[in-house]
């Protein structure tokens, strides 16, 4: 049952990452940062226009930060909660699940499965 708990933990983590759009929001942070730098380098804009554009960009970055923090809490919290519940109900042992999650072969297999899933999953 410990192996099932480890698989459940990894699967829930992957689902939560996808549902909370952490990767997409990270890309949006990078794009917003690049946009702010390009605004600052734009010689055609006066200082007031640059300041207004950068302020709007910073608000967007703070919104994205909130989304990233919330998504991270959900993506880490949900799998950990499931493992904790399995341990509390006696269906699995927390130490056993953690040992499996840290096993190099399990990590390698998970990475291979994630890569295959990434290639097969339609975007």
PDB file of N, CA and C in Angstrom:
ATOM      1  N   UNK A   1       0.817  -1.198   0.000  1.00  0.00           N
ATOM      2  CA  UNK A   1       0.000   0.000   0.000  1.00  0.00           C
ATOM      3  C   UNK A   1       0.865   1.268   0.000  1.00  0.00           C
ATOM      4  N   UNK A   2       2.088   1.155   0.513  1.00  0.00           N
ATOM      5  CA  UNK A   2       2.979   2.308   0.522  1.00  0.00           C
ATOM      6  C   UNK A   2       3.302   2.755  -0.905  1.00  0.00           C
ATOM      7  N   UNK A   3       3.493   1.759  -1.789  1.00  0.00           N
ATOM      8  CA  UNK A   3       3.791   2.107  -3.181  1.00  0.00           C
ATOM      9  C   UNK A   3       2.598   2.828  -3.814  1.00  0.00           C
ATOM     10  N   UNK A   4       1.391   2.357  -3.542  1.00  0.00           N
ATOM     11  CA  UNK A   4       0.185   3.024  -4.034  1.00  0.00           C
ATOM     12  C   UNK A   4       0.109   4.454  -3.494  1.00  0.00           C
ATOM     13  N   UNK A   5       0.436   4.632  -2.221  1.00  0.00           N
ATOM     14  CA  UNK A   5       0.438   5.973  -1.624  1.00  0.00           C
ATOM     15  C   UNK A   5       1.432   6.895  -2.305  1.00  0.00           C
ATOM     16  N   UNK A   6       2.608   6.355  -2.644  1.00  0.00           N
ATOM     17  CA  UNK A   6       3.616   7.168  -3.338  1.00  0.00           C
ATOM     18  C   UNK A   6       3.128   7.541  -4.741  1.00  0.00           C
ATOM     19  N   UNK A   7       2.533   6.575  -5.433  1.00  0.00           N
ATOM     20  CA  UNK A   7       1.986   6.870  -6.769  1.00  0.00           C
ATOM     21  C   UNK A   7       0.859   7.900  -6.694  1.00  0.00           C
ATOM     22  N   UNK A   8       0.015   7.756  -5.687  1.00  0.00           N
ATOM     23  CA  UNK A   8      -1.072   8.714  -5.497  1.00  0.00           C
ATOM     24  C   UNK A   8      -0.518  10.116  -5.246  1.00  0.00           C
ATOM     25  N   UNK A   9       0.518  10.195  -4.438  1.00  0.00           N
ATOM     26  CA  UNK A   9       1.137  11.483  -4.132  1.00  0.00           C
ATOM     27  C   UNK A   9       1.665  12.152  -5.403  1.00  0.00           C
ATOM     28  N   UNK A  10       2.369  11.379  -6.221  1.00  0.00           N
ATOM     29  CA  UNK A  10       2.929  11.926  -7.464  1.00  0.00           C
ATOM     30  C   UNK A  10       1.818  12.318  -8.435  1.00  0.00           C
ATOM     31  N   UNK A  11       0.811  11.466  -8.551  1.00  0.00           N
ATOM     32  CA  UNK A  11      -0.295  11.760  -9.470  1.00  0.00           C
ATOM     33  C   UNK A  11      -1.059  13.006  -9.041  1.00  0.00           C
ATOM     34  N   UNK A  12      -1.334  13.122  -7.759  1.00  0.00           N
ATOM     35  CA  UNK A  12      -2.039  14.315  -7.277  1.00  0.00           C
ATOM     36  C   UNK A  12      -1.202  15.575  -7.473  1.00  0.00           C
ATOM     37  N   UNK A  13       0.101  15.461  -7.267  1.00  0.00           N
ATOM     38  CA  UNK A  13       0.984  16.604  -7.492  1.00  0.00           C
ATOM     39  C   UNK A  13       0.916  17.044  -8.953  1.00  0.00           C
ATOM     40  N   UNK A  14       0.990  16.092  -9.873  1.00  0.00           N
ATOM     41  CA  UNK A  14       0.938  16.419 -11.295  1.00  0.00           C
ATOM     42  C   UNK A  14      -0.398  17.046 -11.680  1.00  0.00           C
ATOM     43  N   UNK A  15      -1.487  16.483 -11.174  1.00  0.00           N
ATOM     44  CA  UNK A  15      -2.816  17.020 -11.486  1.00  0.00           C
ATOM     45  C   UNK A  15      -2.954  18.437 -10.924  1.00  0.00           C
ATOM     46  N   UNK A  16      -2.507  18.630  -9.696  1.00  0.00           N
ATOM     47  CA  UNK A  16      -2.610  19.962  -9.079  1.00  0.00           C
ATOM     48  C   UNK A  16      -1.757  20.983  -9.821  1.00  0.00           C
ATOM     49  N   UNK A  17      -0.561  20.568 -10.243  1.00  0.00           N
ATOM     50  CA  UNK A  17       0.279  21.488 -11.025  1.00  0.00           C
ATOM     51  C   UNK A  17      -0.434  21.926 -12.303  1.00  0.00           C
ATOM     52  N   UNK A  18      -1.069  20.962 -12.956  1.00  0.00           N
ATOM     53  CA  UNK A  18      -1.759  21.272 -14.211  1.00  0.00           C
ATOM     54  C   UNK A  18      -3.000  22.121 -13.963  1.00  0.00           C
ATOM     55  N   UNK A  19      -3.762  21.789 -12.952  1.00  0.00           N
ATOM     56  CA  UNK A  19      -5.015  22.508 -12.686  1.00  0.00           C
ATOM     57  C   UNK A  19      -4.789  23.925 -12.159  1.00  0.00           C
ATOM     58  N   UNK A  20      -3.736  24.119 -11.394  1.00  0.00           N
ATOM     59  CA  UNK A  20      -3.471  25.455 -10.852  1.00  0.00           C
ATOM     60  C   UNK A  20      -2.697  26.336 -11.837  1.00  0.00           C
ATOM     61  N   UNK A  21      -2.306  25.777 -12.960  1.00  0.00           N
ATOM     62  CA  UNK A  21      -1.635  26.504 -14.043  1.00  0.00           C
ATOM     63  C   UNK A  21      -0.346  27.189 -13.577  1.00  0.00           C
ATOM     64  N   UNK A  22       0.402  26.520 -12.730  1.00  0.00           N
ATOM     65  CA  UNK A  22       1.642  27.094 -12.224  1.00  0.00           C
ATOM     66  C   UNK A  22       2.634  27.343 -13.350  1.00  0.00           C
ATOM     67  N   UNK A  23       2.772  26.386 -14.252  1.00  0.00           N
ATOM     68  CA  UNK A  23       3.741  26.536 -15.343  1.00  0.00           C
ATOM     69  C   UNK A  23       3.343  27.702 -16.246  1.00  0.00           C
ATOM     70  N   UNK A  24       2.069  27.808 -16.574  1.00  0.00           N
ATOM     71  CA  UNK A  24       1.601  28.916 -17.414  1.00  0.00           C
ATOM     72  C   UNK A  24       1.799  30.259 -16.716  1.00  0.00           C
ATOM     73  N   UNK A  25       1.517  30.292 -15.412  1.00  0.00           N
ATOM     74  CA  UNK A  25       1.698  31.545 -14.673  1.00  0.00           C
ATOM     75  C   UNK A  25       3.169  31.917 -14.551  1.00  0.00           C
ATOM     76  N   UNK A  26       4.038  30.936 -14.460  1.00  0.00           N
ATOM     77  CA  UNK A  26       5.471  31.220 -14.435  1.00  0.00           C
ATOM     78  C   UNK A  26       5.901  31.849 -15.756  1.00  0.00           C
ATOM     79  N   UNK A  27       5.385  31.325 -16.853  1.00  0.00           N
ATOM     80  CA  UNK A  27       5.674  31.922 -18.157  1.00  0.00           C
ATOM     81  C   UNK A  27       5.139  33.341 -18.252  1.00  0.00           C
ATOM     82  N   UNK A  28       3.970  33.569 -17.659  1.00  0.00           N
ATOM     83  CA  UNK A  28       3.398  34.921 -17.665  1.00  0.00           C
ATOM     84  C   UNK A  28       4.266  35.887 -16.858  1.00  0.00           C
ATOM     85  N   UNK A  29       4.862  35.410 -15.767  1.00  0.00           N
ATOM     86  CA  UNK A  29       5.773  36.251 -14.982  1.00  0.00           C
ATOM     87  C   UNK A  29       6.975  36.640 -15.823  1.00  0.00           C
ATOM     88  N   UNK A  30       7.532  35.679 -16.525  1.00  0.00           N
ATOM     89  CA  UNK A  30       8.682  35.983 -17.385  1.00  0.00           C
ATOM     90  C   UNK A  30       8.312  36.973 -18.486  1.00  0.00           C
ATOM     91  N   UNK A  31       7.165  36.781 -19.108  1.00  0.00           N
ATOM     92  CA  UNK A  31       6.725  37.699 -20.163  1.00  0.00           C
ATOM     93  C   UNK A  31       6.492  39.099 -19.620  1.00  0.00           C
ATOM     94  N   UNK A  32       5.885  39.193 -18.447  1.00  0.00           N
ATOM     95  CA  UNK A  32       5.613  40.495 -17.838  1.00  0.00           C
ATOM     96  C   UNK A  32       6.926  41.199 -17.479  1.00  0.00           C
ATOM     97  N   UNK A  33       7.888  40.443 -16.998  1.00  0.00           N
ATOM     98  CA  UNK A  33       9.187  41.024 -16.664  1.00  0.00           C
ATOM     99  C   UNK A  33       9.896  41.535 -17.911  1.00  0.00           C
ATOM    100  N   UNK A  34       9.849  40.768 -18.974  1.00  0.00           N
ATOM    101  CA  UNK A  34      10.451  41.199 -20.237  1.00  0.00           C
ATOM    102  C   UNK A  34       9.761  42.453 -20.761  1.00  0.00           C
ATOM    103  N   UNK A  35       8.435  42.494 -20.615  1.00  0.00           N
ATOM    104  CA  UNK A  35       7.682  43.653 -21.059  1.00  0.00           C
ATOM    105  C   UNK A  35       8.088  44.904 -20.282  1.00  0.00           C
ATOM    106  N   UNK A  36       8.280  44.763 -18.974  1.00  0.00           N
ATOM    107  CA  UNK A  36       8.680  45.905 -18.152  1.00  0.00           C
ATOM    108  C   UNK A  36      10.058  46.407 -18.553  1.00  0.00           C
ATOM    109  N   UNK A  37      10.951  45.496 -18.854  1.00  0.00           N
ATOM    110  CA  UNK A  37      12.298  45.900 -19.285  1.00  0.00           C
ATOM    111  C   UNK A  37      12.235  46.605 -20.630  1.00  0.00           C
ATOM    112  N   UNK A  38      11.415  46.110 -21.540  1.00  0.00           N
ATOM    113  CA  UNK A  38      11.307  46.759 -22.850  1.00  0.00           C
ATOM    114  C   UNK A  38      10.679  48.147 -22.740  1.00  0.00           C
ATOM    115  N   UNK A  39       9.736  48.311 -21.810  1.00  0.00           N
ATOM    116  CA  UNK A  39       9.146  49.635 -21.585  1.00  0.00           C
ATOM    117  C   UNK A  39      10.206  50.603 -21.082  1.00  0.00           C
ATOM    118  N   UNK A  40      11.022  50.130 -20.152  1.00  0.00           N
ATOM    119  CA  UNK A  40      12.062  51.001 -19.588  1.00  0.00           C
ATOM    120  C   UNK A  40      13.100  51.392 -20.639  1.00  0.00           C
ATOM    121  N   UNK A  41      13.315  50.537 -21.628  1.00  0.00           N
ATOM    122  CA  UNK A  41      14.300  50.824 -22.681  1.00  0.00           C
ATOM    123  C   UNK A  41      13.719  51.642 -23.828  1.00  0.00           C
ATOM    124  N   UNK A  42      12.411  51.793 -23.867  1.00  0.00           N
ATOM    125  CA  UNK A  42      11.754  52.499 -24.966  1.00  0.00           C
ATOM    126  C   UNK A  42      12.047  53.988 -24.882  1.00  0.00           C
ATOM    127  N   UNK A  43      12.787  54.479 -25.850  1.00  0.00           N
ATOM    128  CA  UNK A  43      13.176  55.889 -25.861  1.00  0.00           C
ATOM    129  C   UNK A  43      12.022  56.795 -26.295  1.00  0.00           C
ATOM    130  N   UNK A  44      11.000  56.247 -26.919  1.00  0.00           N
ATOM    131  CA  UNK A  44       9.873  57.033 -27.394  1.00  0.00           C
ATOM    132  C   UNK A  44       8.907  57.420 -26.271  1.00  0.00           C
ATOM    133  N   UNK A  45       8.958  56.754 -25.140  1.00  0.00           N
ATOM    134  CA  UNK A  45       8.067  57.048 -24.021  1.00  0.00           C
ATOM    135  C   UNK A  45       8.731  58.023 -23.056  1.00  0.00           C
ATOM    136  N   UNK A  46       7.917  58.948 -22.545  1.00  0.00           N
ATOM    137  CA  UNK A  46       8.452  59.851 -21.518  1.00  0.00           C
ATOM    138  C   UNK A  46       8.440  59.133 -20.167  1.00  0.00           C
ATOM    139  N   UNK A  47       9.037  59.770 -19.173  1.00  0.00           N
ATOM    140  CA  UNK A  47       9.164  59.130 -17.851  1.00  0.00           C
ATOM    141  C   UNK A  47       7.818  58.812 -17.223  1.00  0.00           C
ATOM    142  N   UNK A  48       6.836  59.695 -17.415  1.00  0.00           N
ATOM    143  CA  UNK A  48       5.523  59.466 -16.829  1.00  0.00           C
ATOM    144  C   UNK A  48       4.848  58.240 -17.440  1.00  0.00           C
ATOM    145  N   UNK A  49       4.941  58.101 -18.749  1.00  0.00           N
ATOM    146  CA  UNK A  49       4.347  56.946 -19.428  1.00  0.00           C
ATOM    147  C   UNK A  49       5.062  55.665 -19.019  1.00  0.00           C
ATOM    148  N   UNK A  50       6.376  55.734 -18.877  1.00  0.00           N
ATOM    149  CA  UNK A  50       7.128  54.567 -18.429  1.00  0.00           C
ATOM    150  C   UNK A  50       6.714  54.160 -17.029  1.00  0.00           C
ATOM    151  N   UNK A  51       6.576  55.156 -16.149  1.00  0.00           N
ATOM    152  CA  UNK A  51       6.212  54.865 -14.771  1.00  0.00           C
ATOM    153  C   UNK A  51       4.824  54.232 -14.698  1.00  0.00           C
ATOM    154  N   UNK A  52       3.884  54.759 -15.460  1.00  0.00           N
ATOM    155  CA  UNK A  52       2.531  54.213 -15.447  1.00  0.00           C
ATOM    156  C   UNK A  52       2.532  52.770 -15.966  1.00  0.00           C
ATOM    157  N   UNK A  53       3.275  52.520 -17.034  1.00  0.00           N
ATOM    158  CA  UNK A  53       3.333  51.168 -17.603  1.00  0.00           C
ATOM    159  C   UNK A  53       3.989  50.191 -16.626  1.00  0.00           C
ATOM    160  N   UNK A  54       5.050  50.628 -15.966  1.00  0.00           N
ATOM    161  CA  UNK A  54       5.739  49.755 -15.017  1.00  0.00           C
ATOM    162  C   UNK A  54       4.864  49.498 -13.789  1.00  0.00           C
ATOM    163  N   UNK A  55       4.108  50.490 -13.341  1.00  0.00           N
ATOM    164  CA  UNK A  55       3.207  50.290 -12.204  1.00  0.00           C
ATOM    165  C   UNK A  55       2.119  49.276 -12.544  1.00  0.00           C
ATOM    166  N   UNK A  56       1.567  49.383 -13.734  1.00  0.00           N
ATOM    167  CA  UNK A  56       0.556  48.412 -14.155  1.00  0.00           C
ATOM    168  C   UNK A  56       1.162  47.020 -14.239  1.00  0.00           C
ATOM    169  N   UNK A  57       2.402  46.954 -14.744  1.00  0.00           N
ATOM    170  CA  UNK A  57       3.094  45.667 -14.815  1.00  0.00           C
ATOM    171  C   UNK A  57       3.365  45.085 -13.439  1.00  0.00           C
ATOM    172  N   UNK A  58       3.701  45.959 -12.491  1.00  0.00           N
ATOM    173  CA  UNK A  58       3.979  45.459 -11.141  1.00  0.00           C
ATOM    174  C   UNK A  58       2.706  44.929 -10.481  1.00  0.00           C
ATOM    175  N   UNK A  59       1.573  45.552 -10.741  1.00  0.00           N
ATOM    176  CA  UNK A  59       0.305  45.025 -10.217  1.00  0.00           C
ATOM    177  C   UNK A  59       0.014  43.639 -10.787  1.00  0.00           C
ATOM    178  N   UNK A  60       0.275  43.503 -12.068  1.00  0.00           N
ATOM    179  CA  UNK A  60       0.079  42.198 -12.706  1.00  0.00           C
ATOM    180  C   UNK A  60       1.027  41.163 -12.099  1.00  0.00           C
ATOM    181  N   UNK A  61       2.262  41.566 -11.823  1.00  0.00           N
ATOM    182  CA  UNK A  61       3.216  40.641 -11.207  1.00  0.00           C
ATOM    183  C   UNK A  61       2.768  40.228  -9.803  1.00  0.00           C
ATOM    184  N   UNK A  62       2.197  41.163  -9.031  1.00  0.00           N
ATOM    185  CA  UNK A  62       1.697  40.809  -7.707  1.00  0.00           C
ATOM    186  C   UNK A  62       0.522  39.846  -7.796  1.00  0.00           C
ATOM    187  N   UNK A  63      -0.353  40.029  -8.782  1.00  0.00           N
ATOM    188  CA  UNK A  63      -1.458  39.084  -8.983  1.00  0.00           C
ATOM    189  C   UNK A  63      -0.910  37.694  -9.309  1.00  0.00           C
ATOM    190  N   UNK A  64       0.075  37.676 -10.197  1.00  0.00           N
ATOM    191  CA  UNK A  64       0.675  36.400 -10.578  1.00  0.00           C
ATOM    192  C   UNK A  64       1.388  35.749  -9.389  1.00  0.00           C
ATOM    193  N   UNK A  65       2.020  36.557  -8.552  1.00  0.00           N
ATOM    194  CA  UNK A  65       2.673  36.028  -7.360  1.00  0.00           C
ATOM    195  C   UNK A  65       1.648  35.341  -6.457  1.00  0.00           C
ATOM    196  N   UNK A  66       0.512  35.977  -6.276  1.00  0.00           N
ATOM    197  CA  UNK A  66      -0.550  35.367  -5.475  1.00  0.00           C
ATOM    198  C   UNK A  66      -1.010  34.043  -6.064  1.00  0.00           C
ATOM    199  N   UNK A  67      -1.164  34.007  -7.380  1.00  0.00           N
ATOM    200  CA  UNK A  67      -1.566  32.762  -8.038  1.00  0.00           C
ATOM    201  C   UNK A  67      -0.507  31.683  -7.873  1.00  0.00           C
ATOM    202  N   UNK A  68       0.768  32.077  -7.988  1.00  0.00           N
ATOM    203  CA  UNK A  68       1.844  31.102  -7.833  1.00  0.00           C
ATOM    204  C   UNK A  68       1.918  30.566  -6.409  1.00  0.00           C
ATOM    205  N   UNK A  69       1.757  31.446  -5.440  1.00  0.00           N
ATOM    206  CA  UNK A  69       1.794  30.998  -4.040  1.00  0.00           C
ATOM    207  C   UNK A  69       0.617  30.069  -3.755  1.00  0.00           C
ATOM    208  N   UNK A  70      -0.572  30.459  -4.167  1.00  0.00           N
ATOM    209  CA  UNK A  70      -1.759  29.620  -3.940  1.00  0.00           C
ATOM    210  C   UNK A  70      -1.623  28.283  -4.664  1.00  0.00           C
ATOM    211  N   UNK A  71      -1.156  28.326  -5.893  1.00  0.00           N
ATOM    212  CA  UNK A  71      -0.979  27.091  -6.654  1.00  0.00           C
ATOM    213  C   UNK A  71       0.050  26.171  -6.037  1.00  0.00           C
ATOM    214  N   UNK A  72       1.116  26.747  -5.502  1.00  0.00           N
ATOM    215  CA  UNK A  72       2.144  25.939  -4.844  1.00  0.00           C
ATOM    216  C   UNK A  72       1.606  25.301  -3.578  1.00  0.00           C
ATOM    217  N   UNK A  73       0.867  26.072  -2.795  1.00  0.00           N
ATOM    218  CA  UNK A  73       0.286  25.526  -1.563  1.00  0.00           C
ATOM    219  C   UNK A  73      -0.654  24.368  -1.893  1.00  0.00           C
ATOM    220  N   UNK A  74      -1.481  24.538  -2.914  1.00  0.00           N
ATOM    221  CA  UNK A  74      -2.409  23.472  -3.309  1.00  0.00           C
ATOM    222  C   UNK A  74      -1.639  22.267  -3.863  1.00  0.00           C
ATOM    223  N   UNK A  75      -0.655  22.528  -4.731  1.00  0.00           N
ATOM    224  CA  UNK A  75       0.073  21.445  -5.390  1.00  0.00           C
ATOM    225  C   UNK A  75       0.922  20.625  -4.431  1.00  0.00           C
ATOM    226  N   UNK A  76       1.361  21.229  -3.361  1.00  0.00           N
ATOM    227  CA  UNK A  76       2.131  20.491  -2.360  1.00  0.00           C
ATOM    228  C   UNK A  76       1.202  19.980  -1.254  1.00  0.00           C
ATOM    229  N   UNK A  77       0.232  20.778  -0.887  1.00  0.00           N
ATOM    230  CA  UNK A  77      -0.639  20.433   0.230  1.00  0.00           C
ATOM    231  C   UNK A  77      -1.562  19.258  -0.035  1.00  0.00           C
ATOM    232  N   UNK A  78      -2.161  19.210  -1.205  1.00  0.00           N
ATOM    233  CA  UNK A  78      -3.113  18.136  -1.512  1.00  0.00           C
ATOM    234  C   UNK A  78      -2.435  16.759  -1.485  1.00  0.00           C
ATOM    235  N   UNK A  79      -1.287  16.578  -2.166  1.00  0.00           N
ATOM    236  CA  UNK A  79      -0.629  15.267  -2.073  1.00  0.00           C
ATOM    237  C   UNK A  79      -0.184  14.920  -0.647  1.00  0.00           C
ATOM    238  N   UNK A  80       0.348  15.899   0.071  1.00  0.00           N
ATOM    239  CA  UNK A  80       0.773  15.621   1.443  1.00  0.00           C
ATOM    240  C   UNK A  80      -0.416  15.275   2.333  1.00  0.00           C
ATOM    241  N   UNK A  81      -1.524  15.946   2.125  1.00  0.00           N
ATOM    242  CA  UNK A  81      -2.732  15.637   2.887  1.00  0.00           C
ATOM    243  C   UNK A  81      -3.208  14.217   2.596  1.00  0.00           C
ATOM    244  N   UNK A  82      -3.138  13.816   1.339  1.00  0.00           N
ATOM    245  CA  UNK A  82      -3.570  12.460   0.992  1.00  0.00           C
ATOM    246  C   UNK A  82      -2.665  11.415   1.635  1.00  0.00           C
ATOM    247  N   UNK A  83      -1.356  11.666   1.635  1.00  0.00           N
ATOM    248  CA  UNK A  83      -0.422  10.733   2.274  1.00  0.00           C
ATOM    249  C   UNK A  83      -0.670  10.688   3.779  1.00  0.00           C
ATOM    250  N   UNK A  84      -0.900  11.831   4.367  1.00  0.00           N
ATOM    251  CA  UNK A  84      -1.169  11.905   5.803  1.00  0.00           C
ATOM    252  C   UNK A  84      -2.446  11.138   6.146  1.00  0.00           C
ATOM    253  N   UNK A  85      -3.479  11.305   5.310  1.00  0.00           N
ATOM    254  CA  UNK A  85      -4.734  10.585   5.550  1.00  0.00           C
ATOM    255  C   UNK A  85      -4.550   9.073   5.414  1.00  0.00           C
ATOM    256  N   UNK A  86      -3.761   8.649   4.437  1.00  0.00           N
ATOM    257  CA  UNK A  86      -3.483   7.222   4.304  1.00  0.00           C
ATOM    258  C   UNK A  86      -2.779   6.687   5.548  1.00  0.00           C
ATOM    259  N   UNK A  87      -1.847   7.480   6.069  1.00  0.00           N
ATOM    260  CA  UNK A  87      -1.126   7.066   7.267  1.00  0.00           C
ATOM    261  C   UNK A  87      -2.038   7.071   8.489  1.00  0.00           C
ATOM    262  N   UNK A  88      -2.887   8.071   8.623  1.00  0.00           N
ATOM    263  CA  UNK A  88      -3.774   8.170   9.780  1.00  0.00           C
ATOM    264  C   UNK A  88      -4.824   7.058   9.795  1.00  0.00           C
ATOM    265  N   UNK A  89      -5.258   6.642   8.627  1.00  0.00           N
ATOM    266  CA  UNK A  89      -6.260   5.579   8.561  1.00  0.00           C
ATOM    267  C   UNK A  89      -5.628   4.194   8.690  1.00  0.00           C
ATOM    268  N   UNK A  90      -4.307   4.136   8.688  1.00  0.00           N
ATOM    269  CA  UNK A  90      -3.610   2.860   8.828  1.00  0.00           C
ATOM    270  C   UNK A  90      -3.465   2.097   7.532  1.00  0.00           C
ATOM    271  N   UNK A  91      -3.839   2.698   6.420  1.00  0.00           N
ATOM    272  CA  UNK A  91      -3.715   2.018   5.127  1.00  0.00           C
ATOM    273  C   UNK A  91      -2.281   1.974   4.629  1.00  0.00           C
ATOM    274  N   UNK A  92      -1.458   2.901   5.085  1.00  0.00           N
ATOM    275  CA  UNK A  92      -0.053   2.959   4.667  1.00  0.00           C
ATOM    276  C   UNK A  92       0.754   3.590   5.792  1.00  0.00           C
ATOM    277  N   UNK A  93       2.063   3.473   5.670  1.00  0.00           N
ATOM    278  CA  UNK A  93       2.958   4.068   6.656  1.00  0.00           C
ATOM    279  C   UNK A  93       3.625   5.287   6.037  1.00  0.00           C
ATOM    280  N   UNK A  94       3.608   6.385   6.766  1.00  0.00           N
ATOM    281  CA  UNK A  94       4.186   7.625   6.263  1.00  0.00           C
ATOM    282  C   UNK A  94       5.666   7.453   5.943  1.00  0.00           C
ATOM    283  N   UNK A  95       6.407   6.799   6.831  1.00  0.00           N
ATOM    284  CA  UNK A  95       7.833   6.578   6.582  1.00  0.00           C
ATOM    285  C   UNK A  95       8.057   5.726   5.335  1.00  0.00           C
ATOM    286  N   UNK A  96       7.194   4.739   5.134  1.00  0.00           N
ATOM    287  CA  UNK A  96       7.310   3.878   3.959  1.00  0.00           C
ATOM    288  C   UNK A  96       7.050   4.630   2.667  1.00  0.00           C
ATOM    289  N   UNK A  97       6.040   5.466   2.679  1.00  0.00           N
ATOM    290  CA  UNK A  97       5.729   6.262   1.487  1.00  0.00           C
ATOM    291  C   UNK A  97       6.872   7.222   1.181  1.00  0.00           C
ATOM    292  N   UNK A  98       7.379   7.881   2.207  1.00  0.00           N
ATOM    293  CA  UNK A  98       8.475   8.834   1.991  1.00  0.00           C
ATOM    294  C   UNK A  98       9.733   8.116   1.493  1.00  0.00           C
ATOM    295  N   UNK A  99       9.991   6.918   2.008  1.00  0.00           N
ATOM    296  CA  UNK A  99      11.146   6.155   1.535  1.00  0.00           C
ATOM    297  C   UNK A  99      11.002   5.818   0.048  1.00  0.00           C
ATOM    298  N   UNK A 100       9.799   5.455  -0.362  1.00  0.00           N
ATOM    299  CA  UNK A 100       9.568   5.160  -1.783  1.00  0.00           C
ATOM    300  C   UNK A 100       9.713   6.429  -2.615  1.00  0.00           C
ATOM    301  N   UNK A 101       9.153   7.539  -2.148  1.00  0.00           N
ATOM    302  CA  UNK A 101       9.241   8.794  -2.904  1.00  0.00           C
ATOM    303  C   UNK A 101      10.685   9.259  -3.086  1.00  0.00           C
ATOM    304  N   UNK A 102      11.569   8.895  -2.158  1.00  0.00           N
ATOM    305  CA  UNK A 102      12.969   9.316  -2.253  1.00  0.00           C
ATOM    306  C   UNK A 102      13.874   8.259  -2.877  1.00  0.00           C
ATOM    307  N   UNK A 103      13.311   7.129  -3.267  1.00  0.00           N
ATOM    308  CA  UNK A 103      14.082   6.073  -3.908  1.00  0.00           C
ATOM    309  C   UNK A 103      14.498   6.528  -5.312  1.00  0.00           C
ATOM    310  N   UNK A 104      15.786   6.432  -5.655  1.00  0.00           N
ATOM    311  CA  UNK A 104      16.242   6.887  -6.976  1.00  0.00           C
ATOM    312  C   UNK A 104      15.540   6.194  -8.143  1.00  0.00           C
ATOM    313  N   UNK A 105      15.219   4.905  -7.993  1.00  0.00           N
ATOM    314  CA  UNK A 105      14.533   4.195  -9.066  1.00  0.00           C
ATOM    315  C   UNK A 105      13.098   4.691  -9.238  1.00  0.00           C
ATOM    316  N   UNK A 106      12.444   4.990  -8.144  1.00  0.00           N
ATOM    317  CA  UNK A 106      11.089   5.535  -8.210  1.00  0.00           C
ATOM    318  C   UNK A 106      11.118   6.919  -8.861  1.00  0.00           C
ATOM    319  N   UNK A 107      12.094   7.729  -8.490  1.00  0.00           N
ATOM    320  CA  UNK A 107      12.227   9.068  -9.080  1.00  0.00           C
ATOM    321  C   UNK A 107      12.489   8.958 -10.574  1.00  0.00           C
ATOM    322  N   UNK A 108      13.400   8.057 -10.959  1.00  0.00           N
ATOM    323  CA  UNK A 108      13.703   7.880 -12.386  1.00  0.00           C
ATOM    324  C   UNK A 108      12.470   7.405 -13.149  1.00  0.00           C
ATOM    325  N   UNK A 109      11.751   6.438 -12.585  1.00  0.00           N
ATOM    326  CA  UNK A 109      10.546   5.945 -13.241  1.00  0.00           C
ATOM    327  C   UNK A 109       9.474   7.019 -13.360  1.00  0.00           C
ATOM    328  N   UNK A 110       9.363   7.833 -12.331  1.00  0.00           N
ATOM    329  CA  UNK A 110       8.398   8.932 -12.357  1.00  0.00           C
ATOM    330  C   UNK A 110       8.760   9.953 -13.427  1.00  0.00           C
ATOM    331  N   UNK A 111      10.053  10.257 -13.539  1.00  0.00           N
ATOM    332  CA  UNK A 111      10.488  11.209 -14.566  1.00  0.00           C
ATOM    333  C   UNK A 111      10.234  10.673 -15.967  1.00  0.00           C
ATOM    334  N   UNK A 112      10.498   9.395 -16.181  1.00  0.00           N
ATOM    335  CA  UNK A 112      10.239   8.793 -17.492  1.00  0.00           C
ATOM    336  C   UNK A 112       8.740   8.825 -17.792  1.00  0.00           C
ATOM    337  N   UNK A 113       7.924   8.443 -16.819  1.00  0.00           N
ATOM    338  CA  UNK A 113       6.470   8.461 -17.012  1.00  0.00           C
ATOM    339  C   UNK A 113       5.969   9.882 -17.259  1.00  0.00           C
ATOM    340  N   UNK A 114       6.525  10.849 -16.539  1.00  0.00           N
ATOM    341  CA  UNK A 114       6.118  12.250 -16.733  1.00  0.00           C
ATOM    342  C   UNK A 114       6.498  12.728 -18.128  1.00  0.00           C
ATOM    343  N   UNK A 115       7.672  12.349 -18.594  1.00  0.00           N
ATOM    344  CA  UNK A 115       8.105  12.753 -19.938  1.00  0.00           C
ATOM    345  C   UNK A 115       7.185  12.146 -20.997  1.00  0.00           C
ATOM    346  N   UNK A 116       6.868  10.868 -20.846  1.00  0.00           N
ATOM    347  CA  UNK A 116       5.974  10.216 -21.796  1.00  0.00           C
ATOM    348  C   UNK A 116       4.594  10.869 -21.745  1.00  0.00           C
ATOM    349  N   UNK A 117       4.094  11.132 -20.552  1.00  0.00           N
ATOM    350  CA  UNK A 117       2.802  11.806 -20.413  1.00  0.00           C
ATOM    351  C   UNK A 117       2.801  13.182 -21.018  1.00  0.00           C
ATOM    352  N   UNK A 118       3.916  13.898 -20.842  1.00  0.00           N
ATOM    353  CA  UNK A 118       4.037  15.243 -21.410  1.00  0.00           C
ATOM    354  C   UNK A 118       3.993  15.189 -22.929  1.00  0.00           C
ATOM    355  N   UNK A 119       4.623  14.179 -23.504  1.00  0.00           N
ATOM    356  CA  UNK A 119       4.644  14.034 -24.958  1.00  0.00           C
ATOM    357  C   UNK A 119       3.290  13.609 -25.509  1.00  0.00           C
ATOM    358  N   UNK A 120       2.558  12.798 -24.751  1.00  0.00           N
ATOM    359  CA  UNK A 120       1.287  12.267 -25.233  1.00  0.00           C
ATOM    360  C   UNK A 120       0.098  13.170 -24.940  1.00  0.00           C
ATOM    361  N   UNK A 121       0.212  13.992 -23.894  1.00  0.00           N
ATOM    362  CA  UNK A 121      -0.915  14.827 -23.470  1.00  0.00           C
ATOM    363  C   UNK A 121      -1.115  15.978 -24.459  1.00  0.00           C
ATOM    364  N   UNK A 122      -2.291  16.085 -25.057  1.00  0.00           N
ATOM    365  CA  UNK A 122      -2.515  17.173 -26.020  1.00  0.00           C
ATOM    366  C   UNK A 122      -2.596  18.536 -25.314  1.00  0.00           C
ATOM    367  N   UNK A 123      -1.959  19.498 -25.903  1.00  0.00           N
ATOM    368  CA  UNK A 123      -1.993  20.850 -25.331  1.00  0.00           C
ATOM    369  C   UNK A 123      -2.923  21.721 -26.093  1.00  0.00           C
TER     370      UNK A 123
END
